[in-house]
Amino acid sequence: MEFPPPIHMERAYTLPNSVSAIQLLPAEDGEKTRLGLITHLPEGAEIEIGGPGFSDRTVCVRCCGASYFVFLDDLELVREQAAAAHA
């Protein structure tokens, strides 16, 4: 697993609710990443969509300088808010 690509700020969102997330940590070789603990990103946290996740049901995000995998289903409210903002 390689480190996620750079984040584009125009894809930043505020979480309307708490979401489960799996943190990505640097591997010992410094070039790849490994999965960390499951945690929660709090309601109101700013996230930046960073790219694909480890499956078609996840996406990589950045929050407070750290990278995480989150499930797309958990971001449904974010997706609805983004769609409404661009309508």
N, C-alpha and C. Protein backbone atom coordinates (compact mmCIF):
# COMPACT_ATOMS: atom_id res chain seq x y z
N MET A 1 0.84 -1.16 0.00
CA MET A 1 0.00 0.00 0.00
C MET A 1 0.90 1.24 0.00
N GLU A 2 0.69 2.13 -0.95
CA GLU A 2 1.48 3.35 -1.04
C GLU A 2 0.75 4.50 -0.37
N PHE A 3 1.51 5.54 -0.01
CA PHE A 3 0.91 6.67 0.67
C PHE A 3 -0.07 7.36 -0.26
N PRO A 4 -1.18 7.89 0.26
CA PRO A 4 -2.20 8.53 -0.58
C PRO A 4 -1.64 9.71 -1.37
N PRO A 5 -2.24 9.99 -2.52
CA PRO A 5 -1.81 11.14 -3.33
C PRO A 5 -2.11 12.46 -2.62
N PRO A 6 -1.54 13.58 -3.11
CA PRO A 6 -1.82 14.88 -2.50
C PRO A 6 -3.32 15.17 -2.49
N ILE A 7 -3.74 15.95 -1.51
CA ILE A 7 -5.15 16.28 -1.33
C ILE A 7 -5.45 17.60 -2.04
N HIS A 8 -6.62 17.67 -2.69
CA HIS A 8 -7.06 18.89 -3.34
C HIS A 8 -8.07 19.60 -2.43
N MET A 9 -7.78 20.82 -2.07
CA MET A 9 -8.60 21.54 -1.10
C MET A 9 -10.04 21.75 -1.56
N GLU A 10 -10.30 21.78 -2.87
CA GLU A 10 -11.66 22.02 -3.32
C GLU A 10 -12.57 20.84 -3.02
N ARG A 11 -12.02 19.77 -2.51
CA ARG A 11 -12.81 18.61 -2.16
C ARG A 11 -12.87 18.45 -0.64
N ALA A 12 -12.98 19.56 0.08
CA ALA A 12 -13.04 19.55 1.54
C ALA A 12 -14.49 19.67 1.99
N TYR A 13 -14.82 18.94 3.06
CA TYR A 13 -16.17 18.91 3.59
C TYR A 13 -16.13 18.92 5.11
N THR A 14 -17.23 19.35 5.71
CA THR A 14 -17.41 19.29 7.16
C THR A 14 -18.32 18.11 7.47
N LEU A 15 -17.89 17.26 8.39
CA LEU A 15 -18.69 16.09 8.74
C LEU A 15 -19.92 16.52 9.54
N PRO A 16 -21.12 16.12 9.09
CA PRO A 16 -22.33 16.47 9.83
C PRO A 16 -22.58 15.51 11.01
N ASN A 17 -21.82 14.45 11.07
CA ASN A 17 -21.95 13.46 12.14
C ASN A 17 -20.60 12.75 12.33
N SER A 18 -20.46 12.04 13.42
CA SER A 18 -19.25 11.27 13.69
C SER A 18 -19.16 10.09 12.72
N VAL A 19 -17.94 9.78 12.26
CA VAL A 19 -17.74 8.68 11.31
C VAL A 19 -16.59 7.79 11.77
N SER A 20 -16.77 6.49 11.61
CA SER A 20 -15.69 5.54 11.89
C SER A 20 -14.61 5.68 10.83
N ALA A 21 -13.37 5.52 11.23
CA ALA A 21 -12.24 5.67 10.30
C ALA A 21 -11.10 4.75 10.72
N ILE A 22 -10.32 4.31 9.73
CA ILE A 22 -9.13 3.50 9.98
C ILE A 22 -7.93 4.36 9.62
N GLN A 23 -7.10 4.68 10.60
CA GLN A 23 -5.96 5.56 10.34
C GLN A 23 -4.88 4.83 9.54
N LEU A 24 -4.23 5.57 8.64
CA LEU A 24 -3.09 5.07 7.89
C LEU A 24 -1.83 5.58 8.57
N LEU A 25 -0.93 4.67 8.86
CA LEU A 25 0.33 5.02 9.53
C LEU A 25 1.50 4.70 8.62
N PRO A 26 2.61 5.44 8.72
CA PRO A 26 3.78 5.11 7.91
C PRO A 26 4.34 3.74 8.30
N ALA A 27 4.71 2.96 7.31
CA ALA A 27 5.35 1.68 7.57
C ALA A 27 6.80 1.92 7.96
N GLU A 28 7.43 0.92 8.47
CA GLU A 28 8.81 1.07 8.94
C GLU A 28 9.78 1.40 7.80
N ASP A 29 9.46 0.97 6.57
CA ASP A 29 10.35 1.27 5.45
C ASP A 29 10.22 2.72 4.98
N GLY A 30 9.21 3.45 5.48
CA GLY A 30 9.03 4.85 5.16
C GLY A 30 8.41 5.13 3.82
N GLU A 31 8.22 4.13 2.98
CA GLU A 31 7.68 4.36 1.64
C GLU A 31 6.22 3.95 1.51
N LYS A 32 5.77 3.06 2.34
CA LYS A 32 4.41 2.58 2.27
C LYS A 32 3.69 2.92 3.56
N THR A 33 2.43 2.52 3.64
CA THR A 33 1.66 2.75 4.85
C THR A 33 1.13 1.42 5.36
N ARG A 34 0.68 1.46 6.62
CA ARG A 34 0.03 0.30 7.21
C ARG A 34 -1.23 0.80 7.91
N LEU A 35 -2.14 -0.13 8.15
CA LEU A 35 -3.38 0.24 8.80
C LEU A 35 -3.16 0.41 10.30
N GLY A 36 -3.76 1.45 10.84
CA GLY A 36 -3.69 1.70 12.27
C GLY A 36 -4.98 1.26 12.94
N LEU A 37 -5.29 1.89 14.05
CA LEU A 37 -6.47 1.54 14.82
C LEU A 37 -7.73 2.14 14.21
N ILE A 38 -8.86 1.54 14.52
CA ILE A 38 -10.15 2.12 14.14
C ILE A 38 -10.47 3.21 15.14
N THR A 39 -10.87 4.36 14.63
CA THR A 39 -11.17 5.51 15.47
C THR A 39 -12.43 6.18 14.94
N HIS A 40 -12.79 7.31 15.51
CA HIS A 40 -13.92 8.09 15.02
C HIS A 40 -13.46 9.50 14.69
N LEU A 41 -13.90 10.00 13.55
CA LEU A 41 -13.69 11.41 13.21
C LEU A 41 -14.94 12.13 13.74
N PRO A 42 -14.78 13.18 14.52
CA PRO A 42 -15.92 13.79 15.20
C PRO A 42 -16.80 14.65 14.29
N GLU A 43 -18.03 14.80 14.70
CA GLU A 43 -18.95 15.71 14.04
C GLU A 43 -18.30 17.09 13.96
N GLY A 44 -18.40 17.74 12.81
CA GLY A 44 -17.82 19.06 12.62
C GLY A 44 -16.38 19.05 12.13
N ALA A 45 -15.76 17.87 12.06
CA ALA A 45 -14.38 17.78 11.58
C ALA A 45 -14.32 18.11 10.09
N GLU A 46 -13.26 18.80 9.70
CA GLU A 46 -13.02 19.09 8.28
C GLU A 46 -12.26 17.92 7.68
N ILE A 47 -12.79 17.34 6.60
CA ILE A 47 -12.09 16.27 5.90
C ILE A 47 -11.84 16.69 4.47
N GLU A 48 -10.78 16.15 3.91
CA GLU A 48 -10.44 16.37 2.51
C GLU A 48 -10.41 15.02 1.83
N ILE A 49 -11.18 14.86 0.76
CA ILE A 49 -11.20 13.60 0.03
C ILE A 49 -9.88 13.48 -0.71
N GLY A 50 -9.18 12.35 -0.50
CA GLY A 50 -7.84 12.21 -1.03
C GLY A 50 -7.64 11.16 -2.10
N GLY A 51 -8.63 10.31 -2.34
CA GLY A 51 -8.45 9.30 -3.36
C GLY A 51 -9.16 8.01 -2.99
N PRO A 52 -8.89 6.99 -3.77
CA PRO A 52 -9.56 5.71 -3.55
C PRO A 52 -9.14 5.06 -2.24
N GLY A 53 -10.00 4.20 -1.74
CA GLY A 53 -9.72 3.46 -0.52
C GLY A 53 -9.16 2.10 -0.85
N PHE A 54 -9.28 1.18 0.09
CA PHE A 54 -8.76 -0.18 -0.11
C PHE A 54 -9.77 -1.07 -0.81
N SER A 55 -11.01 -0.58 -0.99
CA SER A 55 -12.03 -1.32 -1.73
C SER A 55 -12.94 -0.30 -2.40
N ASP A 56 -13.89 -0.78 -3.19
CA ASP A 56 -14.81 0.15 -3.86
C ASP A 56 -15.84 0.73 -2.89
N ARG A 57 -15.82 0.31 -1.64
CA ARG A 57 -16.74 0.82 -0.63
C ARG A 57 -16.09 1.81 0.32
N THR A 58 -14.80 2.14 0.07
CA THR A 58 -14.08 3.05 0.95
C THR A 58 -13.41 4.16 0.15
N VAL A 59 -13.00 5.20 0.85
CA VAL A 59 -12.28 6.32 0.25
C VAL A 59 -11.22 6.78 1.25
N CYS A 60 -10.15 7.34 0.74
CA CYS A 60 -9.09 7.87 1.60
C CYS A 60 -9.39 9.36 1.86
N VAL A 61 -9.31 9.78 3.12
CA VAL A 61 -9.52 11.18 3.48
C VAL A 61 -8.37 11.64 4.37
N ARG A 62 -8.22 12.97 4.47
CA ARG A 62 -7.28 13.55 5.43
C ARG A 62 -8.09 14.39 6.40
N CYS A 63 -7.66 14.33 7.66
CA CYS A 63 -8.32 15.10 8.70
C CYS A 63 -7.25 15.46 9.73
N CYS A 64 -7.09 16.73 10.03
CA CYS A 64 -6.11 17.19 11.03
C CYS A 64 -4.71 16.66 10.74
N GLY A 65 -4.34 16.61 9.46
CA GLY A 65 -2.99 16.21 9.07
C GLY A 65 -2.74 14.72 9.01
N ALA A 66 -3.75 13.90 9.28
CA ALA A 66 -3.58 12.45 9.23
C ALA A 66 -4.46 11.87 8.13
N SER A 67 -4.07 10.71 7.61
CA SER A 67 -4.84 10.03 6.56
C SER A 67 -5.64 8.88 7.16
N TYR A 68 -6.83 8.68 6.61
CA TYR A 68 -7.74 7.64 7.09
C TYR A 68 -8.47 7.01 5.90
N PHE A 69 -8.93 5.79 6.10
CA PHE A 69 -9.91 5.17 5.21
C PHE A 69 -11.26 5.27 5.90
N VAL A 70 -12.28 5.69 5.16
CA VAL A 70 -13.65 5.71 5.68
C VAL A 70 -14.56 5.03 4.66
N PHE A 71 -15.66 4.49 5.16
CA PHE A 71 -16.63 3.84 4.28
C PHE A 71 -17.52 4.89 3.62
N LEU A 72 -17.75 4.73 2.32
CA LEU A 72 -18.59 5.67 1.59
C LEU A 72 -19.99 5.78 2.18
N ASP A 73 -20.53 4.66 2.65
CA ASP A 73 -21.87 4.71 3.25
C ASP A 73 -21.91 5.66 4.44
N ASP A 74 -20.81 5.76 5.19
CA ASP A 74 -20.76 6.67 6.33
C ASP A 74 -20.69 8.13 5.91
N LEU A 75 -20.34 8.37 4.65
CA LEU A 75 -20.24 9.74 4.13
C LEU A 75 -21.46 10.15 3.32
N GLU A 76 -22.53 9.38 3.40
CA GLU A 76 -23.72 9.68 2.61
C GLU A 76 -24.27 11.08 2.87
N LEU A 77 -24.29 11.52 4.14
CA LEU A 77 -24.77 12.87 4.44
C LEU A 77 -23.86 13.92 3.82
N VAL A 78 -22.55 13.66 3.80
CA VAL A 78 -21.61 14.59 3.17
C VAL A 78 -21.91 14.66 1.67
N ARG A 79 -22.14 13.49 1.07
CA ARG A 79 -22.44 13.44 -0.37
C ARG A 79 -23.73 14.21 -0.67
N GLU A 80 -24.75 14.06 0.17
CA GLU A 80 -26.02 14.77 -0.04
C GLU A 80 -25.82 16.28 0.09
N GLN A 81 -25.03 16.71 1.07
CA GLN A 81 -24.77 18.13 1.25
C GLN A 81 -24.02 18.71 0.05
N ALA A 82 -23.04 17.95 -0.45
CA ALA A 82 -22.27 18.42 -1.61
C ALA A 82 -23.15 18.52 -2.84
N ALA A 83 -24.04 17.56 -3.03
CA ALA A 83 -24.94 17.58 -4.18
C ALA A 83 -25.89 18.77 -4.09
N ALA A 84 -26.40 19.04 -2.90
CA ALA A 84 -27.31 20.17 -2.71
C ALA A 84 -26.60 21.50 -2.94
N ALA A 85 -25.35 21.59 -2.53
CA ALA A 85 -24.58 22.83 -2.70
C ALA A 85 -24.29 23.12 -4.17
N HIS A 86 -24.18 22.08 -4.98
CA HIS A 86 -23.88 22.26 -6.40
C HIS A 86 -25.12 22.22 -7.27
N ALA A 87 -26.30 22.14 -6.68
CA ALA A 87 -27.55 22.07 -7.46
C ALA A 87 -28.04 23.45 -7.83
